[in-house]
Amino acid sequence: MITPTFNLDYKKSKAPKTTITRDMNELTSRVGNVYEAVAIISKRANQISSSLKKELDAKLQDFSVDRGDIEETFENKEQIEISRSYEVLPKPTLIATQELIDNQIVCNNGSRDEMLR
């Protein structure tokens, strides 16, 4: 189980918005090997992605209007602004990688609990 050590506001994340080259030694120094680092980043990225999706769905739920016509779509400026704010966020994999580098992830590895610090 992968858990963050704090509650992160993804909008304030210091993760880069574009992909950058990382030092593999820095990533693997806390975990042990590349495969574990990739697995941890992958699991955490999935958690971040689902969290962002729930948050966005909750915000957009206010704009949901049940109409009989499926083809008829109404666009609201506020709805577009909310969607754009989520589009400019760093990708979940970049956020998860930054969390791993910043020692902000706790990894429960089977029977032993390991804090990646």
PDB file of N, CA and C in Angstrom:
ATOM      1  N   MET A   1       0.843  -1.176   0.000  1.00  0.00           N
ATOM      2  CA  MET A   1       0.000   0.000   0.000  1.00  0.00           C
ATOM      3  C   MET A   1       0.890   1.242   0.000  1.00  0.00           C
ATOM      4  N   ILE A   2       0.567   2.165  -0.847  1.00  0.00           N
ATOM      5  CA  ILE A   2       1.318   3.403  -0.989  1.00  0.00           C
ATOM      6  C   ILE A   2       0.465   4.536  -0.437  1.00  0.00           C
ATOM      7  N   THR A   3       1.006   5.308   0.504  1.00  0.00           N
ATOM      8  CA  THR A   3       0.272   6.438   1.050  1.00  0.00           C
ATOM      9  C   THR A   3       1.185   7.642   1.146  1.00  0.00           C
ATOM     10  N   PRO A   4       0.634   8.826   0.922  1.00  0.00           N
ATOM     11  CA  PRO A   4       1.449  10.031   1.094  1.00  0.00           C
ATOM     12  C   PRO A   4       1.590  10.340   2.574  1.00  0.00           C
ATOM     13  N   THR A   5       2.626  11.075   2.945  1.00  0.00           N
ATOM     14  CA  THR A   5       2.834  11.416   4.347  1.00  0.00           C
ATOM     15  C   THR A   5       2.113  12.697   4.728  1.00  0.00           C
ATOM     16  N   PHE A   6       1.354  13.264   3.809  1.00  0.00           N
ATOM     17  CA  PHE A   6       0.642  14.503   4.051  1.00  0.00           C
ATOM     18  C   PHE A   6      -0.506  14.613   3.067  1.00  0.00           C
ATOM     19  N   ASN A   7      -1.349  15.606   3.251  1.00  0.00           N
ATOM     20  CA  ASN A   7      -2.446  15.872   2.332  1.00  0.00           C
ATOM     21  C   ASN A   7      -1.968  16.885   1.310  1.00  0.00           C
ATOM     22  N   LEU A   8      -1.880  16.497   0.072  1.00  0.00           N
ATOM     23  CA  LEU A   8      -1.300  17.355  -0.953  1.00  0.00           C
ATOM     24  C   LEU A   8      -2.362  18.067  -1.748  1.00  0.00           C
ATOM     25  N   ASP A   9      -2.182  19.370  -1.893  1.00  0.00           N
ATOM     26  CA  ASP A   9      -2.989  20.135  -2.827  1.00  0.00           C
ATOM     27  C   ASP A   9      -2.238  20.095  -4.145  1.00  0.00           C
ATOM     28  N   TYR A  10      -2.750  19.354  -5.105  1.00  0.00           N
ATOM     29  CA  TYR A  10      -2.030  19.110  -6.349  1.00  0.00           C
ATOM     30  C   TYR A  10      -1.786  20.389  -7.139  1.00  0.00           C
ATOM     31  N   LYS A  11      -2.578  21.411  -6.890  1.00  0.00           N
ATOM     32  CA  LYS A  11      -2.389  22.676  -7.588  1.00  0.00           C
ATOM     33  C   LYS A  11      -1.145  23.399  -7.084  1.00  0.00           C
ATOM     34  N   LYS A  12      -0.710  23.070  -5.862  1.00  0.00           N
ATOM     35  CA  LYS A  12       0.477  23.694  -5.284  1.00  0.00           C
ATOM     36  C   LYS A  12       1.700  22.782  -5.372  1.00  0.00           C
ATOM     37  N   SER A  13       1.601  21.702  -6.101  1.00  0.00           N
ATOM     38  CA  SER A  13       2.705  20.766  -6.240  1.00  0.00           C
ATOM     39  C   SER A  13       3.866  21.422  -6.960  1.00  0.00           C
ATOM     40  N   LYS A  14       5.072  21.103  -6.519  1.00  0.00           N
ATOM     41  CA  LYS A  14       6.239  21.662  -7.197  1.00  0.00           C
ATOM     42  C   LYS A  14       6.779  20.710  -8.264  1.00  0.00           C
ATOM     43  N   ALA A  15       5.957  19.781  -8.683  1.00  0.00           N
ATOM     44  CA  ALA A  15       6.329  18.865  -9.763  1.00  0.00           C
ATOM     45  C   ALA A  15       6.369  19.642 -11.079  1.00  0.00           C
ATOM     46  N   PRO A  16       7.301  19.286 -11.957  1.00  0.00           N
ATOM     47  CA  PRO A  16       7.370  19.985 -13.248  1.00  0.00           C
ATOM     48  C   PRO A  16       6.144  19.669 -14.105  1.00  0.00           C
ATOM     49  N   LYS A  17       5.780  20.584 -14.956  1.00  0.00           N
ATOM     50  CA  LYS A  17       4.615  20.383 -15.818  1.00  0.00           C
ATOM     51  C   LYS A  17       4.955  19.586 -17.070  1.00  0.00           C
ATOM     52  N   THR A  18       6.242  19.464 -17.374  1.00  0.00           N
ATOM     53  CA  THR A  18       6.680  18.676 -18.519  1.00  0.00           C
ATOM     54  C   THR A  18       7.657  17.609 -18.042  1.00  0.00           C
ATOM     55  N   THR A  19       7.860  16.621 -18.856  1.00  0.00           N
ATOM     56  CA  THR A  19       8.761  15.535 -18.512  1.00  0.00           C
ATOM     57  C   THR A  19      10.201  16.023 -18.521  1.00  0.00           C
ATOM     58  N   ILE A  20      10.943  15.647 -17.480  1.00  0.00           N
ATOM     59  CA  ILE A  20      12.357  15.989 -17.408  1.00  0.00           C
ATOM     60  C   ILE A  20      13.153  14.726 -17.142  1.00  0.00           C
ATOM     61  N   THR A  21      14.425  14.771 -17.439  1.00  0.00           N
ATOM     62  CA  THR A  21      15.296  13.628 -17.205  1.00  0.00           C
ATOM     63  C   THR A  21      15.611  13.541 -15.714  1.00  0.00           C
ATOM     64  N   ARG A  22      15.500  12.350 -15.167  1.00  0.00           N
ATOM     65  CA  ARG A  22      15.763  12.134 -13.742  1.00  0.00           C
ATOM     66  C   ARG A  22      17.015  11.289 -13.562  1.00  0.00           C
ATOM     67  N   ASP A  23      17.688  11.481 -12.455  1.00  0.00           N
ATOM     68  CA  ASP A  23      18.833  10.659 -12.096  1.00  0.00           C
ATOM     69  C   ASP A  23      18.307   9.369 -11.476  1.00  0.00           C
ATOM     70  N   MET A  24      18.530   8.253 -12.134  1.00  0.00           N
ATOM     71  CA  MET A  24      18.007   6.967 -11.656  1.00  0.00           C
ATOM     72  C   MET A  24      18.607   6.580 -10.307  1.00  0.00           C
ATOM     73  N   ASN A  25      19.832   6.983 -10.039  1.00  0.00           N
ATOM     74  CA  ASN A  25      20.440   6.683  -8.741  1.00  0.00           C
ATOM     75  C   ASN A  25      19.689   7.382  -7.609  1.00  0.00           C
ATOM     76  N   GLU A  26      19.209   8.591  -7.883  1.00  0.00           N
ATOM     77  CA  GLU A  26      18.445   9.330  -6.884  1.00  0.00           C
ATOM     78  C   GLU A  26      17.107   8.635  -6.605  1.00  0.00           C
ATOM     79  N   LEU A  27      16.464   8.131  -7.662  1.00  0.00           N
ATOM     80  CA  LEU A  27      15.179   7.449  -7.496  1.00  0.00           C
ATOM     81  C   LEU A  27      15.330   6.109  -6.780  1.00  0.00           C
ATOM     82  N   THR A  28      16.376   5.381  -7.097  1.00  0.00           N
ATOM     83  CA  THR A  28      16.532   4.032  -6.551  1.00  0.00           C
ATOM     84  C   THR A  28      17.253   3.994  -5.212  1.00  0.00           C
ATOM     85  N   SER A  29      17.840   5.099  -4.775  1.00  0.00           N
ATOM     86  CA  SER A  29      18.601   5.089  -3.524  1.00  0.00           C
ATOM     87  C   SER A  29      17.722   4.773  -2.313  1.00  0.00           C
ATOM     88  N   ARG A  30      16.474   5.209  -2.312  1.00  0.00           N
ATOM     89  CA  ARG A  30      15.582   4.972  -1.176  1.00  0.00           C
ATOM     90  C   ARG A  30      14.866   3.626  -1.259  1.00  0.00           C
ATOM     91  N   VAL A  31      14.677   3.130  -2.477  1.00  0.00           N
ATOM     92  CA  VAL A  31      13.839   1.964  -2.697  1.00  0.00           C
ATOM     93  C   VAL A  31      14.645   0.683  -2.844  1.00  0.00           C
ATOM     94  N   GLY A  32      15.739   0.749  -3.537  1.00  0.00           N
ATOM     95  CA  GLY A  32      16.554  -0.437  -3.721  1.00  0.00           C
ATOM     96  C   GLY A  32      16.840  -0.742  -5.178  1.00  0.00           C
ATOM     97  N   ASN A  33      15.816  -0.738  -6.011  1.00  0.00           N
ATOM     98  CA  ASN A  33      16.060  -0.981  -7.433  1.00  0.00           C
ATOM     99  C   ASN A  33      15.041  -0.230  -8.289  1.00  0.00           C
ATOM    100  N   VAL A  34      15.295  -0.213  -9.574  1.00  0.00           N
ATOM    101  CA  VAL A  34      14.483   0.546 -10.514  1.00  0.00           C
ATOM    102  C   VAL A  34      13.056   0.023 -10.568  1.00  0.00           C
ATOM    103  N   TYR A  35      12.885  -1.284 -10.528  1.00  0.00           N
ATOM    104  CA  TYR A  35      11.555  -1.877 -10.683  1.00  0.00           C
ATOM    105  C   TYR A  35      10.648  -1.519  -9.504  1.00  0.00           C
ATOM    106  N   GLU A  36      11.198  -1.527  -8.298  1.00  0.00           N
ATOM    107  CA  GLU A  36      10.398  -1.117  -7.143  1.00  0.00           C
ATOM    108  C   GLU A  36      10.037   0.358  -7.230  1.00  0.00           C
ATOM    109  N   ALA A  37      10.979   1.189  -7.656  1.00  0.00           N
ATOM    110  CA  ALA A  37      10.710   2.623  -7.799  1.00  0.00           C
ATOM    111  C   ALA A  37       9.597   2.861  -8.811  1.00  0.00           C
ATOM    112  N   VAL A  38       9.660   2.170  -9.937  1.00  0.00           N
ATOM    113  CA  VAL A  38       8.630   2.326 -10.975  1.00  0.00           C
ATOM    114  C   VAL A  38       7.281   1.832 -10.465  1.00  0.00           C
ATOM    115  N   ALA A  39       7.284   0.720  -9.726  1.00  0.00           N
ATOM    116  CA  ALA A  39       6.027   0.185  -9.186  1.00  0.00           C
ATOM    117  C   ALA A  39       5.411   1.157  -8.181  1.00  0.00           C
ATOM    118  N   ILE A  40       6.229   1.736  -7.326  1.00  0.00           N
ATOM    119  CA  ILE A  40       5.732   2.694  -6.333  1.00  0.00           C
ATOM    120  C   ILE A  40       5.192   3.939  -7.017  1.00  0.00           C
ATOM    121  N   ILE A  41       5.932   4.458  -7.984  1.00  0.00           N
ATOM    122  CA  ILE A  41       5.478   5.651  -8.712  1.00  0.00           C
ATOM    123  C   ILE A  41       4.182   5.346  -9.456  1.00  0.00           C
ATOM    124  N   SER A  42       4.083   4.175 -10.051  1.00  0.00           N
ATOM    125  CA  SER A  42       2.887   3.789 -10.791  1.00  0.00           C
ATOM    126  C   SER A  42       1.665   3.705  -9.883  1.00  0.00           C
ATOM    127  N   LYS A  43       1.821   3.047  -8.736  1.00  0.00           N
ATOM    128  CA  LYS A  43       0.690   2.918  -7.808  1.00  0.00           C
ATOM    129  C   LYS A  43       0.260   4.275  -7.269  1.00  0.00           C
ATOM    130  N   ARG A  44       1.225   5.109  -6.933  1.00  0.00           N
ATOM    131  CA  ARG A  44       0.895   6.432  -6.403  1.00  0.00           C
ATOM    132  C   ARG A  44       0.252   7.291  -7.489  1.00  0.00           C
ATOM    133  N   ALA A  45       0.733   7.191  -8.726  1.00  0.00           N
ATOM    134  CA  ALA A  45       0.143   7.955  -9.834  1.00  0.00           C
ATOM    135  C   ALA A  45      -1.311   7.547 -10.062  1.00  0.00           C
ATOM    136  N   ASN A  46      -1.606   6.258  -9.932  1.00  0.00           N
ATOM    137  CA  ASN A  46      -2.997   5.798 -10.052  1.00  0.00           C
ATOM    138  C   ASN A  46      -3.863   6.389  -8.946  1.00  0.00           C
ATOM    139  N   GLN A  47      -3.328   6.452  -7.723  1.00  0.00           N
ATOM    140  CA  GLN A  47      -4.070   7.045  -6.617  1.00  0.00           C
ATOM    141  C   GLN A  47      -4.330   8.531  -6.876  1.00  0.00           C
ATOM    142  N   ILE A  48      -3.314   9.238  -7.331  1.00  0.00           N
ATOM    143  CA  ILE A  48      -3.454  10.668  -7.616  1.00  0.00           C
ATOM    144  C   ILE A  48      -4.470  10.884  -8.732  1.00  0.00           C
ATOM    145  N   SER A  49      -4.383  10.080  -9.767  1.00  0.00           N
ATOM    146  CA  SER A  49      -5.290  10.200 -10.904  1.00  0.00           C
ATOM    147  C   SER A  49      -6.746   9.993 -10.485  1.00  0.00           C
ATOM    148  N   SER A  50      -6.993   8.956  -9.702  1.00  0.00           N
ATOM    149  CA  SER A  50      -8.373   8.711  -9.266  1.00  0.00           C
ATOM    150  C   SER A  50      -8.853   9.801  -8.316  1.00  0.00           C
ATOM    151  N   SER A  51      -7.965  10.331  -7.491  1.00  0.00           N
ATOM    152  CA  SER A  51      -8.324  11.421  -6.593  1.00  0.00           C
ATOM    153  C   SER A  51      -8.692  12.684  -7.377  1.00  0.00           C
ATOM    154  N   LEU A  52      -7.887  13.007  -8.369  1.00  0.00           N
ATOM    155  CA  LEU A  52      -8.177  14.171  -9.209  1.00  0.00           C
ATOM    156  C   LEU A  52      -9.479  13.994  -9.976  1.00  0.00           C
ATOM    157  N   LYS A  53      -9.725  12.786 -10.468  1.00  0.00           N
ATOM    158  CA  LYS A  53     -10.950  12.509 -11.212  1.00  0.00           C
ATOM    159  C   LYS A  53     -12.180  12.679 -10.321  1.00  0.00           C
ATOM    160  N   LYS A  54     -12.121  12.153  -9.094  1.00  0.00           N
ATOM    161  CA  LYS A  54     -13.240  12.315  -8.162  1.00  0.00           C
ATOM    162  C   LYS A  54     -13.475  13.780  -7.845  1.00  0.00           C
ATOM    163  N   GLU A  55     -12.384  14.510  -7.624  1.00  0.00           N
ATOM    164  CA  GLU A  55     -12.490  15.925  -7.298  1.00  0.00           C
ATOM    165  C   GLU A  55     -13.104  16.712  -8.459  1.00  0.00           C
ATOM    166  N   LEU A  56     -12.652  16.439  -9.674  1.00  0.00           N
ATOM    167  CA  LEU A  56     -13.180  17.121 -10.857  1.00  0.00           C
ATOM    168  C   LEU A  56     -14.635  16.749 -11.091  1.00  0.00           C
ATOM    169  N   ASP A  57     -14.966  15.480 -10.959  1.00  0.00           N
ATOM    170  CA  ASP A  57     -16.353  15.041 -11.139  1.00  0.00           C
ATOM    171  C   ASP A  57     -17.280  15.713 -10.129  1.00  0.00           C
ATOM    172  N   ALA A  58     -16.809  15.854  -8.893  1.00  0.00           N
ATOM    173  CA  ALA A  58     -17.623  16.504  -7.863  1.00  0.00           C
ATOM    174  C   ALA A  58     -17.872  17.972  -8.208  1.00  0.00           C
ATOM    175  N   LYS A  59     -16.843  18.643  -8.713  1.00  0.00           N
ATOM    176  CA  LYS A  59     -17.009  20.053  -9.077  1.00  0.00           C
ATOM    177  C   LYS A  59     -17.906  20.220 -10.300  1.00  0.00           C
ATOM    178  N   LEU A  60     -17.792  19.300 -11.248  1.00  0.00           N
ATOM    179  CA  LEU A  60     -18.593  19.404 -12.468  1.00  0.00           C
ATOM    180  C   LEU A  60     -20.021  18.898 -12.268  1.00  0.00           C
ATOM    181  N   GLN A  61     -20.263  18.187 -11.191  1.00  0.00           N
ATOM    182  CA  GLN A  61     -21.605  17.675 -10.898  1.00  0.00           C
ATOM    183  C   GLN A  61     -22.604  18.812 -10.746  1.00  0.00           C
ATOM    184  N   ASP A  62     -22.129  19.965 -10.269  1.00  0.00           N
ATOM    185  CA  ASP A  62     -23.012  21.124 -10.098  1.00  0.00           C
ATOM    186  C   ASP A  62     -23.575  21.614 -11.428  1.00  0.00           C
ATOM    187  N   PHE A  63     -22.843  21.364 -12.496  1.00  0.00           N
ATOM    188  CA  PHE A  63     -23.250  21.847 -13.806  1.00  0.00           C
ATOM    189  C   PHE A  63     -24.067  20.823 -14.576  1.00  0.00           C
ATOM    190  N   SER A  64     -24.218  19.651 -14.012  1.00  0.00           N
ATOM    191  CA  SER A  64     -24.930  18.570 -14.683  1.00  0.00           C
ATOM    192  C   SER A  64     -26.419  18.878 -14.720  1.00  0.00           C
ATOM    193  N   VAL A  65     -26.972  18.837 -15.927  1.00  0.00           N
ATOM    194  CA  VAL A  65     -28.400  19.081 -16.126  1.00  0.00           C
ATOM    195  C   VAL A  65     -28.951  17.897 -16.903  1.00  0.00           C
ATOM    196  N   ASP A  66     -29.990  17.285 -16.366  1.00  0.00           N
ATOM    197  CA  ASP A  66     -30.578  16.127 -17.025  1.00  0.00           C
ATOM    198  C   ASP A  66     -31.547  16.609 -18.097  1.00  0.00           C
ATOM    199  N   ARG A  67     -31.132  16.445 -19.317  1.00  0.00           N
ATOM    200  CA  ARG A  67     -31.958  16.824 -20.457  1.00  0.00           C
ATOM    201  C   ARG A  67     -32.348  15.562 -21.213  1.00  0.00           C
ATOM    202  N   GLY A  68     -33.451  15.629 -21.889  1.00  0.00           N
ATOM    203  CA  GLY A  68     -33.906  14.502 -22.683  1.00  0.00           C
ATOM    204  C   GLY A  68     -33.037  14.277 -23.913  1.00  0.00           C
ATOM    205  N   ASP A  69     -32.523  15.362 -24.480  1.00  0.00           N
ATOM    206  CA  ASP A  69     -31.696  15.249 -25.682  1.00  0.00           C
ATOM    207  C   ASP A  69     -30.234  15.043 -25.298  1.00  0.00           C
ATOM    208  N   ILE A  70     -29.683  13.953 -25.729  1.00  0.00           N
ATOM    209  CA  ILE A  70     -28.271  13.681 -25.466  1.00  0.00           C
ATOM    210  C   ILE A  70     -27.396  14.533 -26.386  1.00  0.00           C
ATOM    211  N   GLU A  71     -27.874  14.815 -27.565  1.00  0.00           N
ATOM    212  CA  GLU A  71     -27.095  15.553 -28.550  1.00  0.00           C
ATOM    213  C   GLU A  71     -26.957  17.029 -28.205  1.00  0.00           C
ATOM    214  N   GLU A  72     -27.856  17.542 -27.395  1.00  0.00           N
ATOM    215  CA  GLU A  72     -27.827  18.950 -27.072  1.00  0.00           C
ATOM    216  C   GLU A  72     -26.872  19.183 -25.900  1.00  0.00           C
ATOM    217  N   THR A  73     -25.823  19.962 -26.131  1.00  0.00           N
ATOM    218  CA  THR A  73     -24.816  20.207 -25.108  1.00  0.00           C
ATOM    219  C   THR A  73     -24.757  21.700 -24.810  1.00  0.00           C
ATOM    220  N   PHE A  74     -24.751  22.016 -23.541  1.00  0.00           N
ATOM    221  CA  PHE A  74     -24.632  23.407 -23.117  1.00  0.00           C
ATOM    222  C   PHE A  74     -23.261  23.588 -22.471  1.00  0.00           C
ATOM    223  N   GLU A  75     -22.599  24.659 -22.849  1.00  0.00           N
ATOM    224  CA  GLU A  75     -21.303  24.954 -22.268  1.00  0.00           C
ATOM    225  C   GLU A  75     -21.426  26.146 -21.340  1.00  0.00           C
ATOM    226  N   ASN A  76     -20.833  26.022 -20.200  1.00  0.00           N
ATOM    227  CA  ASN A  76     -20.862  27.063 -19.207  1.00  0.00           C
ATOM    228  C   ASN A  76     -19.438  27.574 -19.037  1.00  0.00           C
ATOM    229  N   LYS A  77     -19.251  28.885 -18.939  1.00  0.00           N
ATOM    230  CA  LYS A  77     -17.909  29.449 -18.804  1.00  0.00           C
ATOM    231  C   LYS A  77     -17.217  28.962 -17.540  1.00  0.00           C
ATOM    232  N   GLU A  78     -17.944  28.857 -16.452  1.00  0.00           N
ATOM    233  CA  GLU A  78     -17.351  28.379 -15.200  1.00  0.00           C
ATOM    234  C   GLU A  78     -16.901  26.925 -15.329  1.00  0.00           C
ATOM    235  N   GLN A  79     -17.687  26.134 -16.012  1.00  0.00           N
ATOM    236  CA  GLN A  79     -17.351  24.724 -16.234  1.00  0.00           C
ATOM    237  C   GLN A  79     -16.075  24.608 -17.068  1.00  0.00           C
ATOM    238  N   ILE A  80     -15.955  25.441 -18.072  1.00  0.00           N
ATOM    239  CA  ILE A  80     -14.758  25.436 -18.916  1.00  0.00           C
ATOM    240  C   ILE A  80     -13.544  25.878 -18.112  1.00  0.00           C
ATOM    241  N   GLU A  81     -13.693  26.871 -17.251  1.00  0.00           N
ATOM    242  CA  GLU A  81     -12.584  27.344 -16.406  1.00  0.00           C
ATOM    243  C   GLU A  81     -12.098  26.234 -15.476  1.00  0.00           C
ATOM    244  N   ILE A  82     -13.028  25.508 -14.872  1.00  0.00           N
ATOM    245  CA  ILE A  82     -12.658  24.412 -13.975  1.00  0.00           C
ATOM    246  C   ILE A  82     -11.911  23.335 -14.741  1.00  0.00           C
ATOM    247  N   SER A  83     -12.410  22.982 -15.898  1.00  0.00           N
ATOM    248  CA  SER A  83     -11.751  21.955 -16.709  1.00  0.00           C
ATOM    249  C   SER A  83     -10.354  22.390 -17.123  1.00  0.00           C
ATOM    250  N   ARG A  84     -10.196  23.627 -17.495  1.00  0.00           N
ATOM    251  CA  ARG A  84      -8.875  24.129 -17.897  1.00  0.00           C
ATOM    252  C   ARG A  84      -7.897  24.135 -16.724  1.00  0.00           C
ATOM    253  N   SER A  85      -8.388  24.450 -15.533  1.00  0.00           N
ATOM    254  CA  SER A  85      -7.488  24.466 -14.377  1.00  0.00           C
ATOM    255  C   SER A  85      -6.931  23.075 -14.096  1.00  0.00           C
ATOM    256  N   TYR A  86      -7.705  22.035 -14.380  1.00  0.00           N
ATOM    257  CA  TYR A  86      -7.215  20.669 -14.188  1.00  0.00           C
ATOM    258  C   TYR A  86      -6.311  20.227 -15.338  1.00  0.00           C
ATOM    259  N   GLU A  87      -6.510  20.791 -16.504  1.00  0.00           N
ATOM    260  CA  GLU A  87      -5.678  20.427 -17.649  1.00  0.00           C
ATOM    261  C   GLU A  87      -4.246  20.924 -17.497  1.00  0.00           C
ATOM    262  N   VAL A  88      -4.035  22.033 -16.802  1.00  0.00           N
ATOM    263  CA  VAL A  88      -2.693  22.592 -16.666  1.00  0.00           C
ATOM    264  C   VAL A  88      -1.907  21.995 -15.501  1.00  0.00           C
ATOM    265  N   LEU A  89      -2.538  21.148 -14.712  1.00  0.00           N
ATOM    266  CA  LEU A  89      -1.823  20.497 -13.613  1.00  0.00           C
ATOM    267  C   LEU A  89      -0.779  19.528 -14.162  1.00  0.00           C
ATOM    268  N   PRO A  90       0.290  19.286 -13.399  1.00  0.00           N
ATOM    269  CA  PRO A  90       1.253  18.266 -13.827  1.00  0.00           C
ATOM    270  C   PRO A  90       0.571  16.897 -13.900  1.00  0.00           C
ATOM    271  N   LYS A  91       1.080  16.031 -14.746  1.00  0.00           N
ATOM    272  CA  LYS A  91       0.536  14.687 -14.874  1.00  0.00           C
ATOM    273  C   LYS A  91       0.753  13.917 -13.571  1.00  0.00           C
ATOM    274  N   PRO A  92      -0.137  12.980 -13.248  1.00  0.00           N
ATOM    275  CA  PRO A  92      -0.006  12.220 -11.999  1.00  0.00           C
ATOM    276  C   PRO A  92       1.334  11.501 -11.848  1.00  0.00           C
ATOM    277  N   THR A  93       1.914  11.021 -12.940  1.00  0.00           N
ATOM    278  CA  THR A  93       3.219  10.351 -12.833  1.00  0.00           C
ATOM    279  C   THR A  93       4.305  11.336 -12.427  1.00  0.00           C
ATOM    280  N   LEU A  94       4.222  12.567 -12.905  1.00  0.00           N
ATOM    281  CA  LEU A  94       5.212  13.575 -12.525  1.00  0.00           C
ATOM    282  C   LEU A  94       5.054  13.977 -11.060  1.00  0.00           C
ATOM    283  N   ILE A  95       3.811  14.063 -10.594  1.00  0.00           N
ATOM    284  CA  ILE A  95       3.569  14.382  -9.188  1.00  0.00           C
ATOM    285  C   ILE A  95       4.080  13.256  -8.300  1.00  0.00           C
ATOM    286  N   ALA A  96       3.796  12.007  -8.683  1.00  0.00           N
ATOM    287  CA  ALA A  96       4.236  10.849  -7.900  1.00  0.00           C
ATOM    288  C   ALA A  96       5.763  10.751  -7.867  1.00  0.00           C
ATOM    289  N   THR A  97       6.409  11.018  -8.978  1.00  0.00           N
ATOM    290  CA  THR A  97       7.872  10.991  -9.018  1.00  0.00           C
ATOM    291  C   THR A  97       8.456  12.059  -8.113  1.00  0.00           C
ATOM    292  N   GLN A  98       7.882  13.245  -8.122  1.00  0.00           N
ATOM    293  CA  GLN A  98       8.355  14.321  -7.256  1.00  0.00           C
ATOM    294  C   GLN A  98       8.145  13.965  -5.791  1.00  0.00           C
ATOM    295  N   GLU A  99       7.023  13.337  -5.471  1.00  0.00           N
ATOM    296  CA  GLU A  99       6.781  12.896  -4.093  1.00  0.00           C
ATOM    297  C   GLU A  99       7.824  11.881  -3.651  1.00  0.00           C
ATOM    298  N   LEU A 100       8.184  10.963  -4.536  1.00  0.00           N
ATOM    299  CA  LEU A 100       9.200   9.963  -4.205  1.00  0.00           C
ATOM    300  C   LEU A 100      10.550  10.635  -3.956  1.00  0.00           C
ATOM    301  N   ILE A 101      10.905  11.580  -4.793  1.00  0.00           N
ATOM    302  CA  ILE A 101      12.173  12.291  -4.634  1.00  0.00           C
ATOM    303  C   ILE A 101      12.183  13.105  -3.349  1.00  0.00           C
ATOM    304  N   ASP A 102      11.056  13.705  -3.006  1.00  0.00           N
ATOM    305  CA  ASP A 102      10.957  14.543  -1.807  1.00  0.00           C
ATOM    306  C   ASP A 102      10.683  13.748  -0.530  1.00  0.00           C
ATOM    307  N   ASN A 103      10.739  12.421  -0.605  1.00  0.00           N
ATOM    308  CA  ASN A 103      10.500  11.547   0.558  1.00  0.00           C
ATOM    309  C   ASN A 103       9.130  11.766   1.175  1.00  0.00           C
ATOM    310  N   GLN A 104       8.113  11.848   0.369  1.00  0.00           N
ATOM    311  CA  GLN A 104       6.767  12.105   0.856  1.00  0.00           C
ATOM    312  C   GLN A 104       5.835  10.921   0.652  1.00  0.00           C
ATOM    313  N   ILE A 105       6.397   9.730   0.476  1.00  0.00           N
ATOM    314  CA  ILE A 105       5.587   8.535   0.250  1.00  0.00           C
ATOM    315  C   ILE A 105       5.948   7.488   1.291  1.00  0.00           C
ATOM    316  N   VAL A 106       4.927   6.855   1.839  1.00  0.00           N
ATOM    317  CA  VAL A 106       5.118   5.721   2.747  1.00  0.00           C
ATOM    318  C   VAL A 106       4.716   4.471   1.979  1.00  0.00           C
ATOM    319  N   CYS A 107       5.577   3.465   2.008  1.00  0.00           N
ATOM    320  CA  CYS A 107       5.324   2.236   1.274  1.00  0.00           C
ATOM    321  C   CYS A 107       5.242   1.078   2.251  1.00  0.00           C
ATOM    322  N   ASN A 108       4.097   0.396   2.278  1.00  0.00           N
ATOM    323  CA  ASN A 108       3.945  -0.809   3.090  1.00  0.00           C
ATOM    324  C   ASN A 108       4.251  -1.992   2.199  1.00  0.00           C
ATOM    325  N   ASN A 109       5.364  -2.640   2.438  1.00  0.00           N
ATOM    326  CA  ASN A 109       5.853  -3.711   1.581  1.00  0.00           C
ATOM    327  C   ASN A 109       5.580  -5.055   2.232  1.00  0.00           C
ATOM    328  N   GLY A 110       4.432  -5.650   1.928  1.00  0.00           N
ATOM    329  CA  GLY A 110       4.092  -6.968   2.466  1.00  0.00           C
ATOM    330  C   GLY A 110       3.961  -6.946   3.970  1.00  0.00           C
ATOM    331  N   SER A 111       4.816  -7.731   4.655  1.00  0.00           N
ATOM    332  CA  SER A 111       4.725  -7.849   6.100  1.00  0.00           C
ATOM    333  C   SER A 111       5.508  -6.765   6.834  1.00  0.00           C
ATOM    334  N   ARG A 112       6.377  -6.054   6.136  1.00  0.00           N
ATOM    335  CA  ARG A 112       7.169  -5.026   6.801  1.00  0.00           C
ATOM    336  C   ARG A 112       6.719  -3.646   6.339  1.00  0.00           C
ATOM    337  N   ASP A 113       6.764  -2.694   7.240  1.00  0.00           N
ATOM    338  CA  ASP A 113       6.426  -1.321   6.911  1.00  0.00           C
ATOM    339  C   ASP A 113       7.730  -0.561   6.727  1.00  0.00           C
ATOM    340  N   GLU A 114       7.829   0.117   5.612  1.00  0.00           N
ATOM    341  CA  GLU A 114       9.036   0.869   5.307  1.00  0.00           C
ATOM    342  C   GLU A 114       8.663   2.287   4.988  1.00  0.00           C
ATOM    343  N   MET A 115       9.304   3.208   5.620  1.00  0.00           N
ATOM    344  CA  MET A 115       9.102   4.595   5.275  1.00  0.00           C
ATOM    345  C   MET A 115      10.247   4.998   4.366  1.00  0.00           C
ATOM    346  N   LEU A 116       9.925   5.527   3.244  1.00  0.00           N
ATOM    347  CA  LEU A 116      10.941   5.879   2.263  1.00  0.00           C
ATOM    348  C   LEU A 116      11.566   7.217   2.633  1.00  0.00           C
ATOM    349  N   ARG A 117      12.404   7.198   3.631  1.00  0.00           N
ATOM    350  CA  ARG A 117      13.098   8.406   4.064  1.00  0.00           C
ATOM    351  C   ARG A 117      14.537   8.135   4.248  1.00  0.00           C
TER     352      ARG A 117
END
